[in-house]
Amino acid sequence: MATVEIYTKATCGYCTMAKRLLKSKEVSFAETDLLSNPEKRAEMIQRSGGRQTVPQVFIDGEHIGGFDDLSGLEMAGKLDPLLAK
């Protein structure tokens, strides 16, 4: 199973939807809440190529993007192969 990381904020609806999608796939993930860990924001921006919004999702260290990107992979049938690595 792939290693999944997600940067979130507790008040973010898109973050909730991204986590719900991952949980529906029975995928465990490491979550970094930027409200609880504001010092991690610069790390997220650097890793995501400058993106400043949450969520930001990484699979096996590869930047996937936000919720729209994650759900787009799911709709295209490309998410499962990434998660199965």
N, C-alpha and C. Protein backbone atom coordinates (compact mmCIF):
# COMPACT_ATOMS: atom_id res chain seq x y z
N MET A 1 0.86 -1.19 0.00
CA MET A 1 0.00 0.00 0.00
C MET A 1 0.89 1.24 0.00
N ALA A 2 0.47 2.24 -0.72
CA ALA A 2 1.22 3.48 -0.86
C ALA A 2 1.20 4.27 0.45
N THR A 3 2.19 5.12 0.62
CA THR A 3 2.24 6.05 1.74
C THR A 3 1.53 7.33 1.32
N VAL A 4 0.52 7.72 2.09
CA VAL A 4 -0.29 8.90 1.75
C VAL A 4 -0.14 9.93 2.85
N GLU A 5 0.12 11.17 2.43
CA GLU A 5 0.21 12.29 3.36
C GLU A 5 -0.76 13.36 2.90
N ILE A 6 -1.37 14.05 3.86
CA ILE A 6 -2.31 15.11 3.51
C ILE A 6 -2.16 16.26 4.51
N TYR A 7 -2.01 17.46 3.96
CA TYR A 7 -1.99 18.68 4.76
C TYR A 7 -3.41 19.22 4.77
N THR A 8 -3.91 19.56 5.95
CA THR A 8 -5.29 19.97 6.11
C THR A 8 -5.42 21.14 7.08
N LYS A 9 -6.63 21.63 7.21
CA LYS A 9 -7.05 22.51 8.29
C LYS A 9 -8.38 21.95 8.79
N ALA A 10 -8.58 21.96 10.08
CA ALA A 10 -9.78 21.37 10.68
C ALA A 10 -11.06 22.03 10.17
N THR A 11 -10.99 23.27 9.76
CA THR A 11 -12.18 24.02 9.34
C THR A 11 -12.45 23.94 7.84
N CYS A 12 -11.71 23.10 7.12
CA CYS A 12 -11.77 23.06 5.66
C CYS A 12 -12.68 21.93 5.17
N GLY A 13 -13.74 22.30 4.47
CA GLY A 13 -14.67 21.31 3.93
C GLY A 13 -14.05 20.42 2.87
N TYR A 14 -13.19 20.99 2.03
CA TYR A 14 -12.52 20.18 1.01
C TYR A 14 -11.57 19.16 1.64
N CYS A 15 -10.97 19.54 2.76
CA CYS A 15 -10.10 18.60 3.49
C CYS A 15 -10.93 17.42 4.00
N THR A 16 -12.10 17.72 4.54
CA THR A 16 -12.99 16.68 5.03
C THR A 16 -13.39 15.74 3.89
N MET A 17 -13.68 16.29 2.72
CA MET A 17 -14.07 15.45 1.59
C MET A 17 -12.89 14.60 1.10
N ALA A 18 -11.69 15.16 1.10
CA ALA A 18 -10.51 14.40 0.68
C ALA A 18 -10.25 13.25 1.65
N LYS A 19 -10.35 13.51 2.93
CA LYS A 19 -10.15 12.45 3.93
C LYS A 19 -11.24 11.39 3.82
N ARG A 20 -12.48 11.81 3.56
CA ARG A 20 -13.58 10.87 3.39
C ARG A 20 -13.34 9.95 2.19
N LEU A 21 -12.85 10.53 1.09
CA LEU A 21 -12.54 9.73 -0.09
C LEU A 21 -11.44 8.71 0.21
N LEU A 22 -10.39 9.14 0.87
CA LEU A 22 -9.30 8.22 1.20
C LEU A 22 -9.78 7.12 2.16
N LYS A 23 -10.59 7.51 3.14
CA LYS A 23 -11.12 6.51 4.08
C LYS A 23 -12.03 5.51 3.37
N SER A 24 -12.79 5.97 2.37
CA SER A 24 -13.67 5.06 1.63
C SER A 24 -12.85 4.02 0.87
N LYS A 25 -11.60 4.37 0.57
CA LYS A 25 -10.68 3.44 -0.10
C LYS A 25 -9.92 2.58 0.91
N GLU A 26 -10.24 2.78 2.19
CA GLU A 26 -9.58 2.07 3.29
C GLU A 26 -8.08 2.31 3.28
N VAL A 27 -7.72 3.56 3.00
CA VAL A 27 -6.32 3.98 2.96
C VAL A 27 -5.99 4.71 4.25
N SER A 28 -4.91 4.31 4.89
CA SER A 28 -4.46 5.08 6.04
C SER A 28 -3.57 6.21 5.51
N PHE A 29 -3.56 7.33 6.23
CA PHE A 29 -2.79 8.48 5.78
C PHE A 29 -2.28 9.25 6.98
N ALA A 30 -1.16 9.93 6.76
CA ALA A 30 -0.60 10.82 7.78
C ALA A 30 -1.15 12.21 7.51
N GLU A 31 -1.81 12.76 8.52
CA GLU A 31 -2.43 14.07 8.37
C GLU A 31 -1.65 15.12 9.16
N THR A 32 -1.39 16.25 8.52
CA THR A 32 -0.78 17.39 9.19
C THR A 32 -1.78 18.53 9.16
N ASP A 33 -2.32 18.85 10.33
CA ASP A 33 -3.28 19.95 10.45
C ASP A 33 -2.49 21.25 10.62
N LEU A 34 -2.62 22.15 9.66
CA LEU A 34 -1.85 23.39 9.70
C LEU A 34 -2.33 24.37 10.76
N LEU A 35 -3.53 24.18 11.27
CA LEU A 35 -3.97 25.02 12.39
C LEU A 35 -3.24 24.63 13.66
N SER A 36 -2.99 23.34 13.83
CA SER A 36 -2.26 22.85 15.00
C SER A 36 -0.75 22.93 14.82
N ASN A 37 -0.30 22.91 13.56
CA ASN A 37 1.13 22.92 13.24
C ASN A 37 1.43 23.98 12.19
N PRO A 38 1.27 25.27 12.53
CA PRO A 38 1.46 26.32 11.53
C PRO A 38 2.88 26.37 10.96
N GLU A 39 3.84 25.85 11.69
CA GLU A 39 5.22 25.83 11.21
C GLU A 39 5.40 24.91 10.01
N LYS A 40 4.45 24.02 9.77
CA LYS A 40 4.51 23.09 8.63
C LYS A 40 3.99 23.71 7.32
N ARG A 41 3.43 24.90 7.40
CA ARG A 41 2.86 25.55 6.21
C ARG A 41 3.94 25.78 5.14
N ALA A 42 5.09 26.29 5.55
CA ALA A 42 6.18 26.55 4.59
C ALA A 42 6.63 25.24 3.94
N GLU A 43 6.67 24.18 4.71
CA GLU A 43 7.03 22.86 4.18
C GLU A 43 6.03 22.42 3.10
N MET A 44 4.74 22.59 3.39
CA MET A 44 3.70 22.21 2.43
C MET A 44 3.84 23.01 1.14
N ILE A 45 4.05 24.32 1.27
CA ILE A 45 4.16 25.18 0.09
C ILE A 45 5.36 24.77 -0.76
N GLN A 46 6.46 24.47 -0.11
CA GLN A 46 7.67 24.05 -0.83
C GLN A 46 7.44 22.72 -1.53
N ARG A 47 6.87 21.76 -0.83
CA ARG A 47 6.65 20.42 -1.39
C ARG A 47 5.63 20.43 -2.52
N SER A 48 4.67 21.35 -2.46
CA SER A 48 3.58 21.37 -3.45
C SER A 48 3.87 22.29 -4.63
N GLY A 49 5.06 22.78 -4.72
CA GLY A 49 5.40 23.65 -5.84
C GLY A 49 4.76 25.03 -5.75
N GLY A 50 4.51 25.49 -4.55
CA GLY A 50 3.96 26.84 -4.36
C GLY A 50 2.49 26.91 -4.03
N ARG A 51 1.80 25.80 -4.04
CA ARG A 51 0.37 25.84 -3.70
C ARG A 51 0.20 26.17 -2.22
N GLN A 52 -0.74 27.06 -1.94
CA GLN A 52 -0.93 27.54 -0.57
C GLN A 52 -2.25 27.10 0.05
N THR A 53 -3.10 26.46 -0.73
CA THR A 53 -4.41 26.06 -0.22
C THR A 53 -4.36 24.62 0.30
N VAL A 54 -5.31 24.30 1.13
CA VAL A 54 -5.44 22.93 1.63
C VAL A 54 -6.75 22.35 1.10
N PRO A 55 -6.82 21.05 0.95
CA PRO A 55 -5.79 20.07 1.28
C PRO A 55 -4.72 20.01 0.18
N GLN A 56 -3.57 19.49 0.55
CA GLN A 56 -2.54 19.11 -0.40
C GLN A 56 -2.21 17.65 -0.11
N VAL A 57 -2.31 16.82 -1.13
CA VAL A 57 -2.18 15.37 -0.98
C VAL A 57 -0.91 14.89 -1.68
N PHE A 58 -0.20 13.98 -1.02
CA PHE A 58 1.00 13.36 -1.56
C PHE A 58 0.85 11.85 -1.47
N ILE A 59 1.18 11.15 -2.53
CA ILE A 59 1.17 9.69 -2.54
C ILE A 59 2.57 9.23 -2.87
N ASP A 60 3.16 8.48 -1.95
CA ASP A 60 4.56 8.04 -2.08
C ASP A 60 5.48 9.21 -2.39
N GLY A 61 5.24 10.34 -1.73
CA GLY A 61 6.08 11.52 -1.88
C GLY A 61 5.78 12.36 -3.11
N GLU A 62 4.92 11.87 -4.00
CA GLU A 62 4.57 12.60 -5.22
C GLU A 62 3.37 13.50 -4.94
N HIS A 63 3.50 14.76 -5.33
CA HIS A 63 2.41 15.71 -5.12
C HIS A 63 1.25 15.39 -6.06
N ILE A 64 0.08 15.15 -5.49
CA ILE A 64 -1.13 14.86 -6.26
C ILE A 64 -1.92 16.14 -6.49
N GLY A 65 -1.98 16.98 -5.47
CA GLY A 65 -2.73 18.23 -5.56
C GLY A 65 -3.78 18.30 -4.47
N GLY A 66 -4.83 19.05 -4.74
CA GLY A 66 -5.90 19.25 -3.77
C GLY A 66 -7.05 18.26 -3.98
N PHE A 67 -8.19 18.59 -3.39
CA PHE A 67 -9.34 17.69 -3.47
C PHE A 67 -9.79 17.49 -4.91
N ASP A 68 -9.85 18.56 -5.69
CA ASP A 68 -10.31 18.44 -7.08
C ASP A 68 -9.41 17.49 -7.86
N ASP A 69 -8.10 17.58 -7.63
CA ASP A 69 -7.15 16.69 -8.30
C ASP A 69 -7.34 15.25 -7.86
N LEU A 70 -7.51 15.06 -6.55
CA LEU A 70 -7.70 13.72 -6.00
C LEU A 70 -8.99 13.09 -6.53
N SER A 71 -10.09 13.85 -6.52
CA SER A 71 -11.36 13.30 -7.00
C SER A 71 -11.32 13.10 -8.51
N GLY A 72 -10.57 13.94 -9.22
CA GLY A 72 -10.40 13.75 -10.66
C GLY A 72 -9.70 12.45 -10.98
N LEU A 73 -8.68 12.12 -10.20
CA LEU A 73 -7.99 10.82 -10.37
C LEU A 73 -8.96 9.67 -10.11
N GLU A 74 -9.79 9.83 -9.09
CA GLU A 74 -10.77 8.80 -8.75
C GLU A 74 -11.76 8.60 -9.90
N MET A 75 -12.28 9.69 -10.44
CA MET A 75 -13.27 9.60 -11.52
C MET A 75 -12.66 9.02 -12.80
N ALA A 76 -11.37 9.26 -13.00
CA ALA A 76 -10.69 8.73 -14.19
C ALA A 76 -10.18 7.29 -14.00
N GLY A 77 -10.40 6.74 -12.79
CA GLY A 77 -9.95 5.38 -12.52
C GLY A 77 -8.44 5.27 -12.30
N LYS A 78 -7.80 6.39 -12.00
CA LYS A 78 -6.35 6.41 -11.82
C LYS A 78 -5.89 6.43 -10.37
N LEU A 79 -6.81 6.61 -9.44
CA LEU A 79 -6.42 6.70 -8.03
C LEU A 79 -6.04 5.34 -7.45
N ASP A 80 -6.84 4.32 -7.72
CA ASP A 80 -6.56 2.98 -7.17
C ASP A 80 -5.17 2.48 -7.52
N PRO A 81 -4.72 2.60 -8.78
CA PRO A 81 -3.36 2.14 -9.10
C PRO A 81 -2.28 2.90 -8.32
N LEU A 82 -2.49 4.20 -8.08
CA LEU A 82 -1.52 4.96 -7.30
C LEU A 82 -1.47 4.48 -5.86
N LEU A 83 -2.66 4.17 -5.32
CA LEU A 83 -2.73 3.74 -3.93
C LEU A 83 -2.22 2.32 -3.74
N ALA A 84 -2.23 1.53 -4.79
CA ALA A 84 -1.85 0.12 -4.68
C ALA A 84 -0.33 -0.10 -4.77
N LYS A 85 0.40 0.94 -5.07
CA LYS A 85 1.86 0.79 -5.21
C LYS A 85 2.49 0.21 -3.97
